[in-house]
């Protein structure tokens, strides 16, 4: 049940990110083809931070990131500790960028 809700929330997150920030934090076709949890796991396993994360931070909307969704208490059980750590690490990378933007 949680995996189905995660999938639904990930699609809603994608739609909100496109509407709010005109960016795509994750490939919607991957989410639909693989399912939300497998797509998020694949995304977190990649060695690169996807470019969609940076525009979200510029708009102050990291809440629309895949990482933020993975870190929600209701979904942590769907992911391994290493995947949760990776999500936290990627969001922490943005802190200096967000701080720098708002202090200019």
PDB file of N, CA and C in Angstrom:
ATOM      1  N   UNK A   1       0.809  -1.195   0.000  1.00  0.00           N
ATOM      2  CA  UNK A   1       0.000   0.000   0.000  1.00  0.00           C
ATOM      3  C   UNK A   1       0.860   1.269   0.000  1.00  0.00           C
ATOM      4  N   UNK A   2       1.916   1.269   0.792  1.00  0.00           N
ATOM      5  CA  UNK A   2       2.778   2.453   0.851  1.00  0.00           C
ATOM      6  C   UNK A   2       3.463   2.686  -0.487  1.00  0.00           C
ATOM      7  N   UNK A   3       3.823   1.610  -1.180  1.00  0.00           N
ATOM      8  CA  UNK A   3       4.483   1.742  -2.481  1.00  0.00           C
ATOM      9  C   UNK A   3       3.538   2.369  -3.506  1.00  0.00           C
ATOM     10  N   UNK A   4       2.272   1.998  -3.447  1.00  0.00           N
ATOM     11  CA  UNK A   4       1.288   2.573  -4.370  1.00  0.00           C
ATOM     12  C   UNK A   4       1.090   4.064  -4.081  1.00  0.00           C
ATOM     13  N   UNK A   5       1.044   4.414  -2.819  1.00  0.00           N
ATOM     14  CA  UNK A   5       0.894   5.817  -2.418  1.00  0.00           C
ATOM     15  C   UNK A   5       2.134   6.613  -2.813  1.00  0.00           C
ATOM     16  N   UNK A   6       3.328   6.034  -2.643  1.00  0.00           N
ATOM     17  CA  UNK A   6       4.562   6.691  -3.042  1.00  0.00           C
ATOM     18  C   UNK A   6       4.525   6.971  -4.546  1.00  0.00           C
ATOM     19  N   UNK A   7       4.121   5.977  -5.325  1.00  0.00           N
ATOM     20  CA  UNK A   7       4.029   6.129  -6.773  1.00  0.00           C
ATOM     21  C   UNK A   7       3.107   7.304  -7.129  1.00  0.00           C
ATOM     22  N   UNK A   8       1.951   7.327  -6.518  1.00  0.00           N
ATOM     23  CA  UNK A   8       0.973   8.398  -6.755  1.00  0.00           C
ATOM     24  C   UNK A   8       1.554   9.758  -6.344  1.00  0.00           C
ATOM     25  N   UNK A   9       2.179   9.806  -5.188  1.00  0.00           N
ATOM     26  CA  UNK A   9       2.760  11.064  -4.713  1.00  0.00           C
ATOM     27  C   UNK A   9       3.913  11.525  -5.598  1.00  0.00           C
ATOM     28  N   UNK A  10       4.666  10.577  -6.136  1.00  0.00           N
ATOM     29  CA  UNK A  10       5.777  10.937  -7.019  1.00  0.00           C
ATOM     30  C   UNK A  10       5.257  11.545  -8.320  1.00  0.00           C
ATOM     31  N   UNK A  11       4.188  11.005  -8.848  1.00  0.00           N
ATOM     32  CA  UNK A  11       3.586  11.585 -10.058  1.00  0.00           C
ATOM     33  C   UNK A  11       3.036  12.978  -9.753  1.00  0.00           C
ATOM     34  N   UNK A  12       2.392  13.142  -8.595  1.00  0.00           N
ATOM     35  CA  UNK A  12       1.886  14.462  -8.207  1.00  0.00           C
ATOM     36  C   UNK A  12       3.027  15.455  -7.997  1.00  0.00           C
ATOM     37  N   UNK A  13       4.108  14.989  -7.410  1.00  0.00           N
ATOM     38  CA  UNK A  13       5.300  15.816  -7.189  1.00  0.00           C
ATOM     39  C   UNK A  13       5.843  16.288  -8.541  1.00  0.00           C
ATOM     40  N   UNK A  14       5.951  15.373  -9.486  1.00  0.00           N
ATOM     41  CA  UNK A  14       6.433  15.703 -10.824  1.00  0.00           C
ATOM     42  C   UNK A  14       5.555  16.796 -11.450  1.00  0.00           C
ATOM     43  N   UNK A  15       4.249  16.601 -11.389  1.00  0.00           N
ATOM     44  CA  UNK A  15       3.311  17.568 -11.967  1.00  0.00           C
ATOM     45  C   UNK A  15       3.463  18.931 -11.309  1.00  0.00           C
ATOM     46  N   UNK A  16       3.576  18.958  -9.995  1.00  0.00           N
ATOM     47  CA  UNK A  16       3.753  20.218  -9.276  1.00  0.00           C
ATOM     48  C   UNK A  16       5.066  20.897  -9.638  1.00  0.00           C
ATOM     49  N   UNK A  17       6.138  20.112  -9.790  1.00  0.00           N
ATOM     50  CA  UNK A  17       7.445  20.675 -10.138  1.00  0.00           C
ATOM     51  C   UNK A  17       7.412  21.303 -11.530  1.00  0.00           C
ATOM     52  N   UNK A  18       6.754  20.645 -12.467  1.00  0.00           N
ATOM     53  CA  UNK A  18       6.648  21.186 -13.825  1.00  0.00           C
ATOM     54  C   UNK A  18       5.833  22.478 -13.793  1.00  0.00           C
ATOM     55  N   UNK A  19       4.715  22.476 -13.069  1.00  0.00           N
ATOM     56  CA  UNK A  19       3.853  23.655 -13.017  1.00  0.00           C
ATOM     57  C   UNK A  19       4.494  24.810 -12.250  1.00  0.00           C
ATOM     58  N   UNK A  20       5.136  24.525 -11.134  1.00  0.00           N
ATOM     59  CA  UNK A  20       5.697  25.573 -10.274  1.00  0.00           C
ATOM     60  C   UNK A  20       7.039  26.100 -10.754  1.00  0.00           C
ATOM     61  N   UNK A  21       7.883  25.207 -11.261  1.00  0.00           N
ATOM     62  CA  UNK A  21       9.274  25.572 -11.545  1.00  0.00           C
ATOM     63  C   UNK A  21       9.690  25.308 -12.982  1.00  0.00           C
ATOM     64  N   UNK A  22       8.794  24.751 -13.774  1.00  0.00           N
ATOM     65  CA  UNK A  22       9.098  24.411 -15.155  1.00  0.00           C
ATOM     66  C   UNK A  22      10.333  23.512 -15.262  1.00  0.00           C
ATOM     67  N   UNK A  23      10.432  22.556 -14.340  1.00  0.00           N
ATOM     68  CA  UNK A  23      11.538  21.605 -14.403  1.00  0.00           C
ATOM     69  C   UNK A  23      11.020  20.201 -14.108  1.00  0.00           C
ATOM     70  N   UNK A  24      11.802  19.217 -14.523  1.00  0.00           N
ATOM     71  CA  UNK A  24      11.431  17.823 -14.361  1.00  0.00           C
ATOM     72  C   UNK A  24      12.437  17.147 -13.438  1.00  0.00           C
ATOM     73  N   UNK A  25      12.089  16.929 -12.168  1.00  0.00           N
ATOM     74  CA  UNK A  25      13.035  16.354 -11.218  1.00  0.00           C
ATOM     75  C   UNK A  25      13.371  14.889 -11.473  1.00  0.00           C
ATOM     76  N   UNK A  26      12.544  14.205 -12.224  1.00  0.00           N
ATOM     77  CA  UNK A  26      12.758  12.793 -12.537  1.00  0.00           C
ATOM     78  C   UNK A  26      11.989  12.505 -13.819  1.00  0.00           C
ATOM     79  N   UNK A  27      12.401  11.508 -14.539  1.00  0.00           N
ATOM     80  CA  UNK A  27      11.723  11.158 -15.780  1.00  0.00           C
ATOM     81  C   UNK A  27      10.366  10.517 -15.473  1.00  0.00           C
ATOM     82  N   UNK A  28       9.316  11.161 -15.922  1.00  0.00           N
ATOM     83  CA  UNK A  28       7.976  10.629 -15.681  1.00  0.00           C
ATOM     84  C   UNK A  28       7.792   9.278 -16.353  1.00  0.00           C
ATOM     85  N   UNK A  29       8.383   9.097 -17.533  1.00  0.00           N
ATOM     86  CA  UNK A  29       8.250   7.810 -18.219  1.00  0.00           C
ATOM     87  C   UNK A  29       8.874   6.683 -17.401  1.00  0.00           C
ATOM     88  N   UNK A  30       9.977   6.987 -16.674  1.00  0.00           N
ATOM     89  CA  UNK A  30      10.595   5.971 -15.807  1.00  0.00           C
ATOM     90  C   UNK A  30       9.671   5.603 -14.660  1.00  0.00           C
ATOM     91  N   UNK A  31       9.029   6.608 -14.099  1.00  0.00           N
ATOM     92  CA  UNK A  31       8.114   6.368 -12.971  1.00  0.00           C
ATOM     93  C   UNK A  31       6.958   5.493 -13.426  1.00  0.00           C
ATOM     94  N   UNK A  32       6.383   5.822 -14.570  1.00  0.00           N
ATOM     95  CA  UNK A  32       5.238   5.067 -15.074  1.00  0.00           C
ATOM     96  C   UNK A  32       5.661   3.647 -15.459  1.00  0.00           C
ATOM     97  N   UNK A  33       6.800   3.518 -16.140  1.00  0.00           N
ATOM     98  CA  UNK A  33       7.242   2.208 -16.607  1.00  0.00           C
ATOM     99  C   UNK A  33       7.718   1.302 -15.477  1.00  0.00           C
ATOM    100  N   UNK A  34       8.477   1.858 -14.522  1.00  0.00           N
ATOM    101  CA  UNK A  34       9.095   1.053 -13.469  1.00  0.00           C
ATOM    102  C   UNK A  34       8.282   1.017 -12.187  1.00  0.00           C
ATOM    103  N   UNK A  35       7.497   2.027 -11.943  1.00  0.00           N
ATOM    104  CA  UNK A  35       6.840   2.207 -10.664  1.00  0.00           C
ATOM    105  C   UNK A  35       7.633   3.228  -9.857  1.00  0.00           C
ATOM    106  N   UNK A  36       6.979   3.919  -8.952  1.00  0.00           N
ATOM    107  CA  UNK A  36       7.606   5.002  -8.206  1.00  0.00           C
ATOM    108  C   UNK A  36       8.802   4.598  -7.370  1.00  0.00           C
ATOM    109  N   UNK A  37       8.666   3.526  -6.592  1.00  0.00           N
ATOM    110  CA  UNK A  37       9.761   3.110  -5.709  1.00  0.00           C
ATOM    111  C   UNK A  37      10.972   2.640  -6.514  1.00  0.00           C
ATOM    112  N   UNK A  38      10.796   1.743  -7.501  1.00  0.00           N
ATOM    113  CA  UNK A  38      11.968   1.344  -8.287  1.00  0.00           C
ATOM    114  C   UNK A  38      12.623   2.525  -9.019  1.00  0.00           C
ATOM    115  N   UNK A  39      11.824   3.446  -9.523  1.00  0.00           N
ATOM    116  CA  UNK A  39      12.387   4.618 -10.213  1.00  0.00           C
ATOM    117  C   UNK A  39      13.197   5.474  -9.247  1.00  0.00           C
ATOM    118  N   UNK A  40      12.676   5.684  -8.040  1.00  0.00           N
ATOM    119  CA  UNK A  40      13.394   6.474  -7.036  1.00  0.00           C
ATOM    120  C   UNK A  40      14.682   5.767  -6.620  1.00  0.00           C
ATOM    121  N   UNK A  41      14.624   4.452  -6.455  1.00  0.00           N
ATOM    122  CA  UNK A  41      15.823   3.690  -6.087  1.00  0.00           C
ATOM    123  C   UNK A  41      16.891   3.802  -7.171  1.00  0.00           C
ATOM    124  N   UNK A  42      16.483   3.690  -8.429  1.00  0.00           N
ATOM    125  CA  UNK A  42      17.423   3.816  -9.536  1.00  0.00           C
ATOM    126  C   UNK A  42      18.021   5.220  -9.563  1.00  0.00           C
ATOM    127  N   UNK A  43      17.195   6.201  -9.351  1.00  0.00           N
ATOM    128  CA  UNK A  43      17.629   7.597  -9.322  1.00  0.00           C
ATOM    129  C   UNK A  43      18.665   7.815  -8.219  1.00  0.00           C
ATOM    130  N   UNK A  44      18.407   7.281  -7.028  1.00  0.00           N
ATOM    131  CA  UNK A  44      19.333   7.452  -5.902  1.00  0.00           C
ATOM    132  C   UNK A  44      20.620   6.647  -6.082  1.00  0.00           C
ATOM    133  N   UNK A  45      20.550   5.563  -6.852  1.00  0.00           N
ATOM    134  CA  UNK A  45      21.729   4.725  -7.061  1.00  0.00           C
ATOM    135  C   UNK A  45      22.692   5.326  -8.089  1.00  0.00           C
ATOM    136  N   UNK A  46      22.203   6.263  -8.890  1.00  0.00           N
ATOM    137  CA  UNK A  46      23.090   6.853  -9.902  1.00  0.00           C
ATOM    138  C   UNK A  46      24.139   7.727  -9.214  1.00  0.00           C
ATOM    139  N   UNK A  47      25.282   7.831  -9.846  1.00  0.00           N
ATOM    140  CA  UNK A  47      26.389   8.595  -9.268  1.00  0.00           C
ATOM    141  C   UNK A  47      26.286  10.088  -9.492  1.00  0.00           C
ATOM    142  N   UNK A  48      25.282  10.505 -10.231  1.00  0.00           N
ATOM    143  CA  UNK A  48      25.151  11.926 -10.523  1.00  0.00           C
ATOM    144  C   UNK A  48      23.862  12.483  -9.938  1.00  0.00           C
ATOM    145  N   UNK A  49      23.931  13.727  -9.540  1.00  0.00           N
ATOM    146  CA  UNK A  49      22.729  14.430  -9.085  1.00  0.00           C
ATOM    147  C   UNK A  49      22.073  14.989 -10.338  1.00  0.00           C
ATOM    148  N   UNK A  50      20.830  14.655 -10.538  1.00  0.00           N
ATOM    149  CA  UNK A  50      20.130  15.081 -11.747  1.00  0.00           C
ATOM    150  C   UNK A  50      19.967  16.597 -11.768  1.00  0.00           C
ATOM    151  N   UNK A  51      19.990  17.141 -12.968  1.00  0.00           N
ATOM    152  CA  UNK A  51      19.927  18.590 -13.128  1.00  0.00           C
ATOM    153  C   UNK A  51      18.608  19.188 -12.651  1.00  0.00           C
ATOM    154  N   UNK A  52      17.545  18.409 -12.591  1.00  0.00           N
ATOM    155  CA  UNK A  52      16.254  18.927 -12.138  1.00  0.00           C
ATOM    156  C   UNK A  52      16.245  19.365 -10.687  1.00  0.00           C
ATOM    157  N   UNK A  53      17.187  18.866  -9.902  1.00  0.00           N
ATOM    158  CA  UNK A  53      17.234  19.220  -8.484  1.00  0.00           C
ATOM    159  C   UNK A  53      17.666  20.667  -8.279  1.00  0.00           C
ATOM    160  N   UNK A  54      18.547  21.159  -9.117  1.00  0.00           N
ATOM    161  CA  UNK A  54      19.067  22.519  -8.942  1.00  0.00           C
ATOM    162  C   UNK A  54      18.015  23.602  -9.200  1.00  0.00           C
ATOM    163  N   UNK A  55      17.213  23.489 -10.270  1.00  0.00           N
ATOM    164  CA  UNK A  55      16.147  24.495 -10.424  1.00  0.00           C
ATOM    165  C   UNK A  55      15.148  24.485  -9.267  1.00  0.00           C
ATOM    166  N   UNK A  56      14.864  23.305  -8.741  1.00  0.00           N
ATOM    167  CA  UNK A  56      13.962  23.251  -7.586  1.00  0.00           C
ATOM    168  C   UNK A  56      14.533  24.053  -6.424  1.00  0.00           C
ATOM    169  N   UNK A  57      15.844  23.948  -6.221  1.00  0.00           N
ATOM    170  CA  UNK A  57      16.470  24.694  -5.129  1.00  0.00           C
ATOM    171  C   UNK A  57      16.447  26.190  -5.410  1.00  0.00           C
ATOM    172  N   UNK A  58      16.614  26.569  -6.677  1.00  0.00           N
ATOM    173  CA  UNK A  58      16.574  27.980  -7.032  1.00  0.00           C
ATOM    174  C   UNK A  58      15.204  28.595  -6.777  1.00  0.00           C
ATOM    175  N   UNK A  59      14.163  27.790  -6.941  1.00  0.00           N
ATOM    176  CA  UNK A  59      12.807  28.258  -6.686  1.00  0.00           C
ATOM    177  C   UNK A  59      12.411  28.074  -5.216  1.00  0.00           C
ATOM    178  N   UNK A  60      13.341  27.545  -4.413  1.00  0.00           N
ATOM    179  CA  UNK A  60      13.024  27.280  -3.015  1.00  0.00           C
ATOM    180  C   UNK A  60      12.007  26.168  -2.847  1.00  0.00           C
ATOM    181  N   UNK A  61      12.011  25.207  -3.769  1.00  0.00           N
ATOM    182  CA  UNK A  61      11.008  24.139  -3.753  1.00  0.00           C
ATOM    183  C   UNK A  61      11.636  22.757  -3.710  1.00  0.00           C
ATOM    184  N   UNK A  62      12.651  22.578  -2.860  1.00  0.00           N
ATOM    185  CA  UNK A  62      13.227  21.239  -2.725  1.00  0.00           C
ATOM    186  C   UNK A  62      12.210  20.263  -2.144  1.00  0.00           C
ATOM    187  N   UNK A  63      11.111  20.790  -1.609  1.00  0.00           N
ATOM    188  CA  UNK A  63      10.037  19.922  -1.138  1.00  0.00           C
ATOM    189  C   UNK A  63       9.417  19.126  -2.288  1.00  0.00           C
ATOM    190  N   UNK A  64       9.658  19.561  -3.518  1.00  0.00           N
ATOM    191  CA  UNK A  64       9.152  18.850  -4.694  1.00  0.00           C
ATOM    192  C   UNK A  64      10.168  17.870  -5.272  1.00  0.00           C
ATOM    193  N   UNK A  65      11.236  17.628  -4.544  1.00  0.00           N
ATOM    194  CA  UNK A  65      12.274  16.714  -5.027  1.00  0.00           C
ATOM    195  C   UNK A  65      11.970  15.269  -4.638  1.00  0.00           C
ATOM    196  N   UNK A  66      12.513  14.365  -5.414  1.00  0.00           N
ATOM    197  CA  UNK A  66      12.402  12.937  -5.118  1.00  0.00           C
ATOM    198  C   UNK A  66      13.003  12.663  -3.738  1.00  0.00           C
ATOM    199  N   UNK A  67      14.122  13.332  -3.448  1.00  0.00           N
ATOM    200  CA  UNK A  67      14.803  13.138  -2.168  1.00  0.00           C
ATOM    201  C   UNK A  67      13.884  13.478  -0.997  1.00  0.00           C
ATOM    202  N   UNK A  68      13.168  14.581  -1.102  1.00  0.00           N
ATOM    203  CA  UNK A  68      12.267  14.976  -0.022  1.00  0.00           C
ATOM    204  C   UNK A  68      11.159  13.951   0.185  1.00  0.00           C
ATOM    205  N   UNK A  69      10.678  13.404  -0.915  1.00  0.00           N
ATOM    206  CA  UNK A  69       9.623  12.389  -0.810  1.00  0.00           C
ATOM    207  C   UNK A  69      10.155  11.122  -0.144  1.00  0.00           C
ATOM    208  N   UNK A  70      11.349  10.705  -0.524  1.00  0.00           N
ATOM    209  CA  UNK A  70      11.976   9.516   0.069  1.00  0.00           C
ATOM    210  C   UNK A  70      12.152   9.700   1.576  1.00  0.00           C
ATOM    211  N   UNK A  71      12.441  10.922   2.016  1.00  0.00           N
ATOM    212  CA  UNK A  71      12.719  11.183   3.426  1.00  0.00           C
ATOM    213  C   UNK A  71      11.474  11.344   4.297  1.00  0.00           C
ATOM    214  N   UNK A  72      10.310  11.340   3.697  1.00  0.00           N
ATOM    215  CA  UNK A  72       9.089  11.422   4.503  1.00  0.00           C
ATOM    216  C   UNK A  72       8.980  10.165   5.374  1.00  0.00           C
ATOM    217  N   UNK A  73       8.573  10.364   6.599  1.00  0.00           N
ATOM    218  CA  UNK A  73       8.477   9.261   7.564  1.00  0.00           C
ATOM    219  C   UNK A  73       7.641   8.102   7.033  1.00  0.00           C
ATOM    220  N   UNK A  74       6.579   8.408   6.347  1.00  0.00           N
ATOM    221  CA  UNK A  74       5.675   7.365   5.849  1.00  0.00           C
ATOM    222  C   UNK A  74       6.293   6.479   4.761  1.00  0.00           C
ATOM    223  N   UNK A  75       7.398   6.947   4.141  1.00  0.00           N
ATOM    224  CA  UNK A  75       8.009   6.199   3.045  1.00  0.00           C
ATOM    225  C   UNK A  75       9.397   5.650   3.361  1.00  0.00           C
ATOM    226  N   UNK A  76       9.973   6.017   4.462  1.00  0.00           N
ATOM    227  CA  UNK A  76      11.335   5.565   4.791  1.00  0.00           C
ATOM    228  C   UNK A  76      11.450   4.045   4.800  1.00  0.00           C
ATOM    229  N   UNK A  77      10.411   3.363   5.183  1.00  0.00           N
ATOM    230  CA  UNK A  77      10.428   1.902   5.227  1.00  0.00           C
ATOM    231  C   UNK A  77      10.543   1.242   3.860  1.00  0.00           C
ATOM    232  N   UNK A  78      10.321   2.001   2.807  1.00  0.00           N
ATOM    233  CA  UNK A  78      10.426   1.467   1.444  1.00  0.00           C
ATOM    234  C   UNK A  78      11.854   1.472   0.922  1.00  0.00           C
ATOM    235  N   UNK A  79      12.754   2.134   1.671  1.00  0.00           N
ATOM    236  CA  UNK A  79      14.115   2.335   1.183  1.00  0.00           C
ATOM    237  C   UNK A  79      15.143   1.814   2.169  1.00  0.00           C
ATOM    238  N   UNK A  80      16.290   1.408   1.615  1.00  0.00           N
ATOM    239  CA  UNK A  80      17.404   0.957   2.444  1.00  0.00           C
ATOM    240  C   UNK A  80      18.036   2.156   3.141  1.00  0.00           C
ATOM    241  N   UNK A  81      18.703   1.931   4.275  1.00  0.00           N
ATOM    242  CA  UNK A  81      19.381   3.037   4.959  1.00  0.00           C
ATOM    243  C   UNK A  81      20.353   3.795   4.051  1.00  0.00           C
ATOM    244  N   UNK A  82      21.035   3.079   3.161  1.00  0.00           N
ATOM    245  CA  UNK A  82      21.976   3.756   2.261  1.00  0.00           C
ATOM    246  C   UNK A  82      21.248   4.667   1.278  1.00  0.00           C
ATOM    247  N   UNK A  83      20.059   4.290   0.864  1.00  0.00           N
ATOM    248  CA  UNK A  83      19.274   5.135  -0.044  1.00  0.00           C
ATOM    249  C   UNK A  83      18.768   6.376   0.676  1.00  0.00           C
ATOM    250  N   UNK A  84      18.372   6.211   1.910  1.00  0.00           N
ATOM    251  CA  UNK A  84      17.934   7.354   2.722  1.00  0.00           C
ATOM    252  C   UNK A  84      19.108   8.307   2.951  1.00  0.00           C
ATOM    253  N   UNK A  85      20.268   7.750   3.234  1.00  0.00           N
ATOM    254  CA  UNK A  85      21.470   8.580   3.423  1.00  0.00           C
ATOM    255  C   UNK A  85      21.816   9.339   2.149  1.00  0.00           C
ATOM    256  N   UNK A  86      21.667   8.701   1.017  1.00  0.00           N
ATOM    257  CA  UNK A  86      21.961   9.360  -0.265  1.00  0.00           C
ATOM    258  C   UNK A  86      20.985  10.510  -0.510  1.00  0.00           C
ATOM    259  N   UNK A  87      19.714  10.301  -0.201  1.00  0.00           N
ATOM    260  CA  UNK A  87      18.727  11.374  -0.350  1.00  0.00           C
ATOM    261  C   UNK A  87      19.094  12.554   0.550  1.00  0.00           C
ATOM    262  N   UNK A  88      19.465  12.273   1.787  1.00  0.00           N
ATOM    263  CA  UNK A  88      19.872  13.332   2.722  1.00  0.00           C
ATOM    264  C   UNK A  88      21.119  14.050   2.213  1.00  0.00           C
ATOM    265  N   UNK A  89      22.069  13.282   1.722  1.00  0.00           N
ATOM    266  CA  UNK A  89      23.325  13.855   1.217  1.00  0.00           C
ATOM    267  C   UNK A  89      23.064  14.816   0.061  1.00  0.00           C
ATOM    268  N   UNK A  90      22.201  14.416  -0.852  1.00  0.00           N
ATOM    269  CA  UNK A  90      21.916  15.266  -2.012  1.00  0.00           C
ATOM    270  C   UNK A  90      21.201  16.543  -1.605  1.00  0.00           C
ATOM    271  N   UNK A  91      20.292  16.448  -0.661  1.00  0.00           N
ATOM    272  CA  UNK A  91      19.626  17.670  -0.193  1.00  0.00           C
ATOM    273  C   UNK A  91      20.606  18.568   0.546  1.00  0.00           C
ATOM    274  N   UNK A  92      21.517  17.978   1.294  1.00  0.00           N
ATOM    275  CA  UNK A  92      22.529  18.767   2.010  1.00  0.00           C
ATOM    276  C   UNK A  92      23.470  19.485   1.058  1.00  0.00           C
ATOM    277  N   UNK A  93      23.684  18.926  -0.129  1.00  0.00           N
ATOM    278  CA  UNK A  93      24.510  19.593  -1.137  1.00  0.00           C
ATOM    279  C   UNK A  93      23.907  20.930  -1.553  1.00  0.00           C
ATOM    280  N   UNK A  94      22.600  21.014  -1.459  1.00  0.00           N
ATOM    281  CA  UNK A  94      21.911  22.223  -1.909  1.00  0.00           C
ATOM    282  C   UNK A  94      21.910  23.339  -0.885  1.00  0.00           C
ATOM    283  N   UNK A  95      22.141  23.024   0.373  1.00  0.00           N
ATOM    284  CA  UNK A  95      22.056  24.044   1.418  1.00  0.00           C
ATOM    285  C   UNK A  95      22.921  25.269   1.130  1.00  0.00           C
ATOM    286  N   UNK A  96      24.185  25.097   0.744  1.00  0.00           N
ATOM    287  CA  UNK A  96      24.986  26.291   0.442  1.00  0.00           C
ATOM    288  C   UNK A  96      24.434  27.082  -0.739  1.00  0.00           C
ATOM    289  N   UNK A  97      23.882  26.392  -1.736  1.00  0.00           N
ATOM    290  CA  UNK A  97      23.327  27.072  -2.905  1.00  0.00           C
ATOM    291  C   UNK A  97      22.094  27.880  -2.534  1.00  0.00           C
ATOM    292  N   UNK A  98      21.222  27.291  -1.723  1.00  0.00           N
ATOM    293  CA  UNK A  98      20.009  27.986  -1.307  1.00  0.00           C
ATOM    294  C   UNK A  98      20.363  29.174  -0.435  1.00  0.00           C
ATOM    295  N   UNK A  99      21.278  28.991   0.509  1.00  0.00           N
ATOM    296  CA  UNK A  99      21.715  30.080   1.395  1.00  0.00           C
ATOM    297  C   UNK A  99      22.354  31.205   0.598  1.00  0.00           C
ATOM    298  N   UNK A 100      23.172  30.862  -0.360  1.00  0.00           N
ATOM    299  CA  UNK A 100      23.861  31.843  -1.172  1.00  0.00           C
ATOM    300  C   UNK A 100      22.862  32.667  -1.984  1.00  0.00           C
ATOM    301  N   UNK A 101      21.852  32.023  -2.510  1.00  0.00           N
ATOM    302  CA  UNK A 101      20.858  32.716  -3.319  1.00  0.00           C
ATOM    303  C   UNK A 101      20.124  33.767  -2.495  1.00  0.00           C
ATOM    304  N   UNK A 102      19.752  33.412  -1.288  1.00  0.00           N
ATOM    305  CA  UNK A 102      18.934  34.316  -0.470  1.00  0.00           C
ATOM    306  C   UNK A 102      19.738  35.375   0.255  1.00  0.00           C
ATOM    307  N   UNK A 103      21.054  35.286   0.240  1.00  0.00           N
ATOM    308  CA  UNK A 103      21.863  36.301   0.928  1.00  0.00           C
ATOM    309  C   UNK A 103      22.427  37.333  -0.033  1.00  0.00           C
ATOM    310  N   UNK A 104      22.151  37.203  -1.290  1.00  0.00           N
ATOM    311  CA  UNK A 104      22.658  38.180  -2.274  1.00  0.00           C
ATOM    312  C   UNK A 104      21.913  39.465  -2.213  1.00  0.00           C
TER     313      UNK A 104
END
